Amino acid sequence: MNASIEDVARRAGVSAGTVSRALRGLPNVSESTRARVMSAAAELNYTVSPSASRLASGRMSTIGVITPFVSRWFFAHVIHGIEEVLQAAHFDLVLYIDEDGTTFQSLPMRRKVDGVLLLTLPPDSPDVSGVRTLGVPVGSLHVDIEGFSSVLIDDVGGSSMATDHLVALGHHRIAMVTLDQHPSVPFRTGRDRSEGFRRSMEAAGLEVNPHLVVNGESTVEGGMRAGAELLSRAPRPTAIFVQSDEMAMGVLHIIRRAGLRCPEDISVVGFDDHELSSVFDLTTVAQPARAEGALLAHHVLDQVQRNAPPQTTTFTTHLVIRGTTAPPQG
């Protein structure tokens, strides 16, 4: 017959409640008592029933993640970081893919979750107002929303860093490939990266030519189309700031297919530090996507498990200089 929690309690000389708290890693249990409980559980081959543990704690041990995309590199890495943290804490992850900002409203009976993570959704998204009604801790990635934990990066500063690098090399005719702007949900990342570009150009006394700002649709294929469009401009740009590495890879492909050289004819800077950016020898602004997801999960788990207040953390970015940038020829 399988051992019960009462059997473990008798073996360890503590109450069943203490056994439950010790095995779930909760506070208010001394290390010596926790060790005694763990030893007794091992001797009796006792394992915690997930359903019983959830009932005892009043939690579902489930975190909902609402994301606009899953196939794009950044979101895939963020979700990987979240999953690692939740798995280690014995929490389940329920993933909702939200492309129009209304997924939460249509969830059947709004499945019960202990917390929600919003990935890059703007404050005026219907999902944001929807999750507030749940009364559970909420974490927001890349958007600072009142009452929520958040993990941010300095998109404006990162894109300024990339643009300043091109300006310092001597480039004046600099183009930009932007992240896609969803028709119904205005994601903020692209706007912030565009703002950083414009600030640096203006500070250098350079014109932001609207004909040299092209939407790259946030994909490699979109980057290829944007690159082809920019190469058709006369005179063509001597440098291109691309708001994601995946789009930058598409731009590089088009440059080489056109018989041009990078960086001799055109310099390119990306944003992300995708794992393939070193293969493409791409100069880029690095952000720790996986670590951002992991920290956001930690912030919300701290609220769920320890009643911690909401926390906000801002990650810094840094420029990784590789072989796709050089002074303009002539």
Protein backbone atom coordinates (compact mmCIF):
# COMPACT_ATOMS: atom_id res chain seq x y z
CA MET A 1 0.00 0.00 0.00
CA ASN A 2 1.24 3.47 -0.90
CA ALA A 3 2.42 5.66 1.95
CA SER A 4 0.25 8.63 2.92
CA ILE A 5 1.19 12.10 4.08
CA GLU A 6 0.20 11.02 7.60
CA ASP A 7 2.74 8.16 7.41
CA VAL A 8 5.47 10.63 6.51
CA ALA A 9 4.35 12.93 9.33
CA ARG A 10 4.58 10.12 11.91
CA ARG A 11 7.99 9.03 10.62
CA ALA A 12 9.34 12.60 10.74
CA GLY A 13 7.61 13.47 14.03
CA VAL A 14 5.81 16.50 12.64
CA SER A 15 2.28 17.41 11.56
CA ALA A 16 0.85 16.61 8.13
CA GLY A 17 0.66 20.35 7.45
CA THR A 18 4.40 20.69 8.09
CA VAL A 19 5.07 17.80 5.69
CA SER A 20 2.98 19.53 3.03
CA ARG A 21 4.79 22.86 3.48
CA ALA A 22 8.22 21.21 3.53
CA LEU A 23 7.66 19.17 0.38
CA ARG A 24 6.28 22.15 -1.50
CA GLY A 25 9.26 24.33 -0.55
CA LEU A 26 7.18 26.86 1.34
CA PRO A 27 8.67 29.17 4.00
CA ASN A 28 8.23 28.85 7.79
CA VAL A 29 9.87 25.41 7.85
CA SER A 30 13.34 25.13 9.36
CA GLU A 31 16.05 23.50 7.29
CA SER A 32 16.51 20.70 9.85
CA THR A 33 12.77 19.91 9.81
CA ARG A 34 12.67 20.07 6.01
CA ALA A 35 15.59 17.64 5.83
CA ARG A 36 13.87 15.27 8.27
CA VAL A 37 10.67 15.35 6.21
CA MET A 38 12.54 14.78 2.95
CA SER A 39 14.37 11.82 4.49
CA ALA A 40 11.13 10.29 5.79
CA ALA A 41 9.42 10.77 2.41
CA ALA A 42 12.34 9.07 0.65
CA GLU A 43 12.35 6.14 3.08
CA LEU A 44 8.62 5.60 2.54
CA ASN A 45 8.83 6.23 -1.21
CA TYR A 46 6.19 8.92 -0.79
CA THR A 47 5.43 11.24 -3.71
CA VAL A 48 3.20 14.28 -3.61
CA SER A 49 -0.05 14.00 -5.53
CA PRO A 50 -0.22 17.07 -7.82
CA SER A 51 -4.00 17.30 -7.50
CA ALA A 52 -3.90 16.97 -3.72
CA SER A 53 -1.15 19.55 -3.47
CA ARG A 54 -3.14 21.97 -5.57
CA LEU A 55 -6.24 21.48 -3.48
CA ALA A 56 -4.28 21.98 -0.27
CA SER A 57 -2.66 25.17 -1.48
CA GLY A 58 -5.76 26.60 -3.14
CA ARG A 59 -3.74 27.01 -6.37
CA MET A 60 -3.87 25.38 -9.76
CA SER A 61 -0.07 25.59 -10.15
CA THR A 62 -0.66 26.95 -13.64
CA ILE A 63 0.57 30.15 -15.30
CA GLY A 64 -1.06 31.48 -18.46
CA VAL A 65 1.15 33.04 -21.14
CA ILE A 66 -0.44 35.29 -23.76
CA THR A 67 1.82 35.92 -26.77
CA PRO A 68 1.24 37.40 -30.22
CA PHE A 69 3.59 34.88 -31.88
CA VAL A 70 5.37 31.61 -31.12
CA SER A 71 7.35 30.91 -34.30
CA ARG A 72 9.45 34.07 -34.29
CA TRP A 73 12.90 33.75 -32.73
CA PHE A 74 12.43 36.28 -29.94
CA PHE A 75 9.13 34.91 -28.66
CA ALA A 76 10.30 31.30 -28.93
CA HIS A 77 13.33 32.08 -26.75
CA VAL A 78 11.30 34.07 -24.22
CA ILE A 79 8.82 31.19 -23.86
CA HIS A 80 11.70 28.74 -23.46
CA GLY A 81 13.04 30.80 -20.56
CA ILE A 82 9.58 30.95 -18.97
CA GLU A 83 9.06 27.20 -19.35
CA GLU A 84 12.37 26.35 -17.65
CA VAL A 85 11.48 28.40 -14.58
CA LEU A 86 7.91 27.10 -14.32
CA GLN A 87 9.02 23.50 -14.77
CA ALA A 88 11.56 23.83 -11.97
CA ALA A 89 8.79 25.23 -9.72
CA HIS A 90 6.41 22.39 -10.71
CA PHE A 91 4.03 24.79 -12.43
CA ASP A 92 2.25 24.15 -15.71
CA LEU A 93 2.30 26.58 -18.62
CA VAL A 94 -0.86 27.27 -20.63
CA LEU A 95 -0.08 29.11 -23.87
CA TYR A 96 -2.53 31.43 -25.61
CA ILE A 97 -1.57 32.80 -29.04
CA ASP A 98 -3.06 36.25 -29.45
CA GLU A 99 -2.66 37.92 -32.85
CA ASP A 100 -5.41 40.51 -32.53
CA GLY A 101 -5.45 41.41 -28.82
CA THR A 102 -8.77 39.71 -28.02
CA THR A 103 -7.79 36.12 -27.24
CA PHE A 104 -8.48 36.42 -23.53
CA GLN A 105 -12.03 37.56 -24.13
CA SER A 106 -12.88 34.35 -26.03
CA LEU A 107 -11.27 31.83 -23.66
CA PRO A 108 -13.83 29.20 -22.66
CA MET A 109 -14.76 29.98 -19.03
CA ARG A 110 -11.39 31.76 -18.66
CA ARG A 111 -9.44 28.73 -17.44
CA LYS A 112 -8.27 29.18 -13.89
CA VAL A 113 -4.63 30.23 -13.60
CA ASP A 114 -2.50 31.46 -10.71
CA GLY A 115 -0.86 34.18 -12.77
CA VAL A 116 -0.60 35.55 -16.30
CA LEU A 117 2.37 36.64 -18.40
CA LEU A 118 1.73 39.12 -21.22
CA LEU A 119 4.40 39.19 -23.93
CA THR A 120 4.76 42.69 -25.47
CA LEU A 121 1.02 43.45 -25.37
CA PRO A 122 0.33 47.22 -25.12
CA PRO A 123 -1.58 48.72 -22.18
CA ASP A 124 -4.70 49.36 -24.27
CA SER A 125 -5.00 45.76 -25.44
CA PRO A 126 -8.35 44.14 -24.45
CA ASP A 127 -6.35 41.29 -22.94
CA VAL A 128 -4.76 43.67 -20.43
CA SER A 129 -8.12 44.85 -19.09
CA GLY A 130 -9.35 41.25 -19.20
CA VAL A 131 -6.61 39.77 -17.02
CA ARG A 132 -7.08 42.49 -14.41
CA THR A 133 -10.50 41.03 -13.65
CA LEU A 134 -8.93 37.69 -12.65
CA GLY A 135 -7.37 39.15 -9.52
CA VAL A 136 -4.11 37.20 -10.01
CA PRO A 137 -0.50 38.42 -10.38
CA VAL A 138 0.36 39.57 -13.89
CA GLY A 139 3.73 40.09 -15.56
CA SER A 140 4.28 42.21 -18.67
CA LEU A 141 7.24 41.87 -21.05
CA HIS A 142 8.71 45.02 -22.66
CA VAL A 143 5.74 47.15 -21.55
CA ASP A 144 5.51 48.86 -18.15
CA ILE A 145 1.88 48.59 -16.98
CA GLU A 146 0.71 49.92 -13.63
CA GLY A 147 0.14 47.18 -11.04
CA PHE A 148 1.94 44.48 -13.03
CA SER A 149 5.45 43.08 -12.68
CA SER A 150 7.49 43.88 -15.77
CA VAL A 151 10.74 43.07 -17.52
CA LEU A 152 11.92 45.75 -19.93
CA ILE A 153 14.78 46.51 -22.26
CA ASP A 154 15.90 49.91 -23.50
CA ASP A 155 14.77 49.66 -27.13
CA VAL A 156 15.28 53.36 -27.72
CA GLY A 157 18.82 53.24 -26.34
CA GLY A 158 19.66 50.04 -28.21
CA SER A 159 18.62 51.40 -31.59
CA SER A 160 20.42 54.67 -30.85
CA MET A 161 23.54 52.62 -30.11
CA ALA A 162 23.27 50.89 -33.50
CA THR A 163 22.68 54.15 -35.36
CA ASP A 164 25.48 55.96 -33.53
CA HIS A 165 27.84 53.18 -34.59
CA LEU A 166 26.97 53.73 -38.26
CA VAL A 167 27.26 57.51 -37.91
CA ALA A 168 30.66 57.17 -36.20
CA LEU A 169 31.87 55.08 -39.15
CA GLY A 170 31.02 58.01 -41.44
CA HIS A 171 27.68 56.96 -42.90
CA HIS A 172 25.22 59.73 -43.74
CA ARG A 173 22.67 58.03 -46.00
CA ILE A 174 21.30 55.49 -43.52
CA ALA A 175 18.14 53.47 -44.13
CA MET A 176 15.97 51.60 -41.63
CA VAL A 177 13.92 48.40 -41.91
CA THR A 178 11.15 48.40 -39.28
CA LEU A 179 9.35 45.67 -37.45
CA ASP A 180 5.83 45.01 -38.66
CA GLN A 181 3.08 47.09 -37.11
CA HIS A 182 0.03 44.88 -36.56
CA PRO A 183 -3.08 46.56 -38.00
CA SER A 184 -5.13 46.17 -34.81
CA VAL A 185 -2.60 46.04 -31.97
CA PRO A 186 0.14 48.73 -32.01
CA PHE A 187 3.11 46.88 -30.53
CA ARG A 188 5.52 49.30 -28.95
CA THR A 189 8.90 47.70 -29.74
CA GLY A 190 9.04 48.89 -33.35
CA ARG A 191 7.99 52.40 -32.40
CA ASP A 192 10.69 52.63 -29.71
CA ARG A 193 13.40 51.34 -32.04
CA SER A 194 12.32 53.83 -34.70
CA GLU A 195 12.44 56.61 -32.10
CA GLY A 196 16.01 55.71 -31.11
CA PHE A 197 17.06 55.77 -34.78
CA ARG A 198 15.48 59.19 -35.34
CA ARG A 199 17.01 60.65 -32.19
CA SER A 200 20.52 59.62 -33.22
CA MET A 201 20.07 60.83 -36.79
CA GLU A 202 18.81 64.21 -35.61
CA ALA A 203 21.58 64.51 -33.03
CA ALA A 204 24.10 63.95 -35.84
CA GLY A 205 22.40 66.56 -38.02
CA LEU A 206 21.26 63.92 -40.53
CA GLU A 207 17.94 63.74 -42.33
CA VAL A 208 15.61 60.78 -41.80
CA ASN A 209 14.52 60.21 -45.39
CA PRO A 210 11.01 58.61 -45.39
CA HIS A 211 11.90 56.83 -48.65
CA LEU A 212 14.64 55.00 -46.75
CA VAL A 213 12.30 53.68 -44.01
CA VAL A 214 10.70 50.38 -45.08
CA ASN A 215 8.53 47.84 -43.25
CA GLY A 216 10.23 44.43 -43.04
CA GLU A 217 7.18 42.52 -41.72
CA SER A 218 9.29 41.00 -38.90
CA THR A 219 10.40 38.01 -41.01
CA VAL A 220 13.37 36.91 -43.14
CA GLU A 221 11.20 37.07 -46.25
CA GLY A 222 9.99 40.54 -45.28
CA GLY A 223 13.61 41.59 -44.83
CA MET A 224 14.38 40.35 -48.34
CA ARG A 225 11.54 42.43 -49.80
CA ALA A 226 12.57 45.49 -47.78
CA GLY A 227 16.19 45.06 -48.86
CA ALA A 228 15.20 44.84 -52.53
CA GLU A 229 13.11 47.99 -52.17
CA LEU A 230 15.97 49.92 -50.56
CA LEU A 231 18.46 48.81 -53.22
CA SER A 232 16.12 50.26 -55.85
CA ARG A 233 16.44 53.73 -54.34
CA ALA A 234 18.80 56.14 -56.07
CA PRO A 235 21.21 56.93 -54.65
CA ARG A 236 21.07 53.80 -52.58
CA PRO A 237 21.88 53.90 -48.83
CA THR A 238 25.40 53.18 -47.63
CA ALA A 239 24.12 51.61 -44.40
CA ILE A 240 20.94 49.98 -43.09
CA PHE A 241 19.73 49.63 -39.51
CA VAL A 242 17.39 46.63 -39.32
CA GLN A 243 15.13 46.28 -36.26
CA SER A 244 15.58 42.49 -35.96
CA ASP A 245 18.28 39.99 -36.91
CA GLU A 246 15.86 37.78 -38.82
CA MET A 247 15.01 40.66 -41.15
CA ALA A 248 18.69 41.59 -41.34
CA MET A 249 19.49 38.10 -42.64
CA GLY A 250 16.99 38.68 -45.44
CA VAL A 251 18.59 42.05 -46.22
CA LEU A 252 22.06 40.46 -46.35
CA HIS A 253 20.81 37.79 -48.75
CA ILE A 254 19.43 40.42 -51.13
CA ILE A 255 22.61 42.52 -50.97
CA ARG A 256 24.75 39.54 -51.96
CA ARG A 257 22.28 38.35 -54.60
CA ALA A 258 22.48 41.81 -56.19
CA GLY A 259 26.24 41.39 -56.56
CA LEU A 260 27.05 43.91 -53.85
CA ARG A 261 29.39 43.43 -50.92
CA CYS A 262 28.69 43.89 -47.23
CA PRO A 263 30.20 45.94 -45.65
CA GLU A 264 32.22 47.36 -48.55
CA ASP A 265 29.17 48.61 -50.47
CA ILE A 266 26.52 48.60 -47.71
CA SER A 267 26.85 48.18 -43.95
CA VAL A 268 24.11 46.39 -41.98
CA VAL A 269 23.27 46.39 -38.26
CA GLY A 270 20.60 44.13 -36.72
CA PHE A 271 18.93 43.85 -33.33
CA ASP A 272 18.59 40.74 -31.09
CA ASP A 273 21.84 38.72 -31.37
CA HIS A 274 20.04 35.72 -32.85
CA GLU A 275 22.12 32.54 -32.53
CA LEU A 276 22.72 32.63 -36.32
CA SER A 277 23.95 36.22 -36.27
CA SER A 278 27.51 35.03 -35.71
CA VAL A 279 27.17 32.71 -38.73
CA PHE A 280 26.18 35.73 -40.84
CA ASP A 281 28.95 37.76 -39.13
CA LEU A 282 26.23 40.30 -38.35
CA THR A 283 26.86 43.37 -36.24
CA THR A 284 23.88 43.59 -33.89
CA VAL A 285 22.41 44.92 -30.66
CA ALA A 286 22.22 42.02 -28.21
CA GLN A 287 19.31 41.42 -25.84
CA PRO A 288 18.98 38.36 -23.53
CA ALA A 289 15.59 37.05 -24.72
CA ARG A 290 15.68 33.78 -22.79
CA ALA A 291 16.80 35.49 -19.58
CA GLU A 292 14.02 38.08 -19.99
CA GLY A 293 11.40 35.34 -20.07
CA ALA A 294 12.94 33.54 -17.11
CA LEU A 295 13.05 36.68 -14.96
CA LEU A 296 9.46 37.58 -15.80
CA ALA A 297 8.36 34.10 -14.67
CA HIS A 298 10.38 34.49 -11.44
CA HIS A 299 8.73 37.86 -10.71
CA VAL A 300 5.21 36.44 -11.03
CA LEU A 301 6.05 33.25 -9.12
CA ASP A 302 7.37 35.42 -6.29
CA GLN A 303 3.96 37.08 -6.16
CA VAL A 304 2.05 33.78 -6.39
CA GLN A 305 4.11 31.82 -3.86
CA ARG A 306 5.35 34.49 -1.47
CA ASN A 307 2.92 37.39 -1.89
CA ALA A 308 5.79 39.60 -3.05
CA PRO A 309 4.91 43.01 -4.50
CA PRO A 310 5.14 43.59 -8.29
CA GLN A 311 8.71 44.06 -9.49
CA THR A 312 10.17 45.87 -12.51
CA THR A 313 13.57 45.08 -14.02
CA THR A 314 15.20 46.71 -17.04
CA PHE A 315 17.85 44.78 -18.96
CA THR A 316 20.63 46.66 -20.71
CA THR A 317 21.56 46.01 -24.32
CA HIS A 318 25.00 46.10 -25.86
CA LEU A 319 26.44 46.36 -29.35
CA VAL A 320 28.20 43.31 -30.77
CA ILE A 321 30.46 44.50 -33.59
CA ARG A 322 31.13 41.90 -36.28
CA GLY A 323 31.90 42.01 -39.97
CA THR A 324 28.86 43.67 -41.56
CA THR A 325 29.80 47.25 -40.68
CA ALA A 326 32.67 49.40 -41.99
CA PRO A 327 33.25 52.99 -43.13
CA PRO A 328 31.63 53.85 -46.47
CA GLN A 329 33.91 53.59 -49.48
CA GLY A 330 35.11 56.88 -50.91
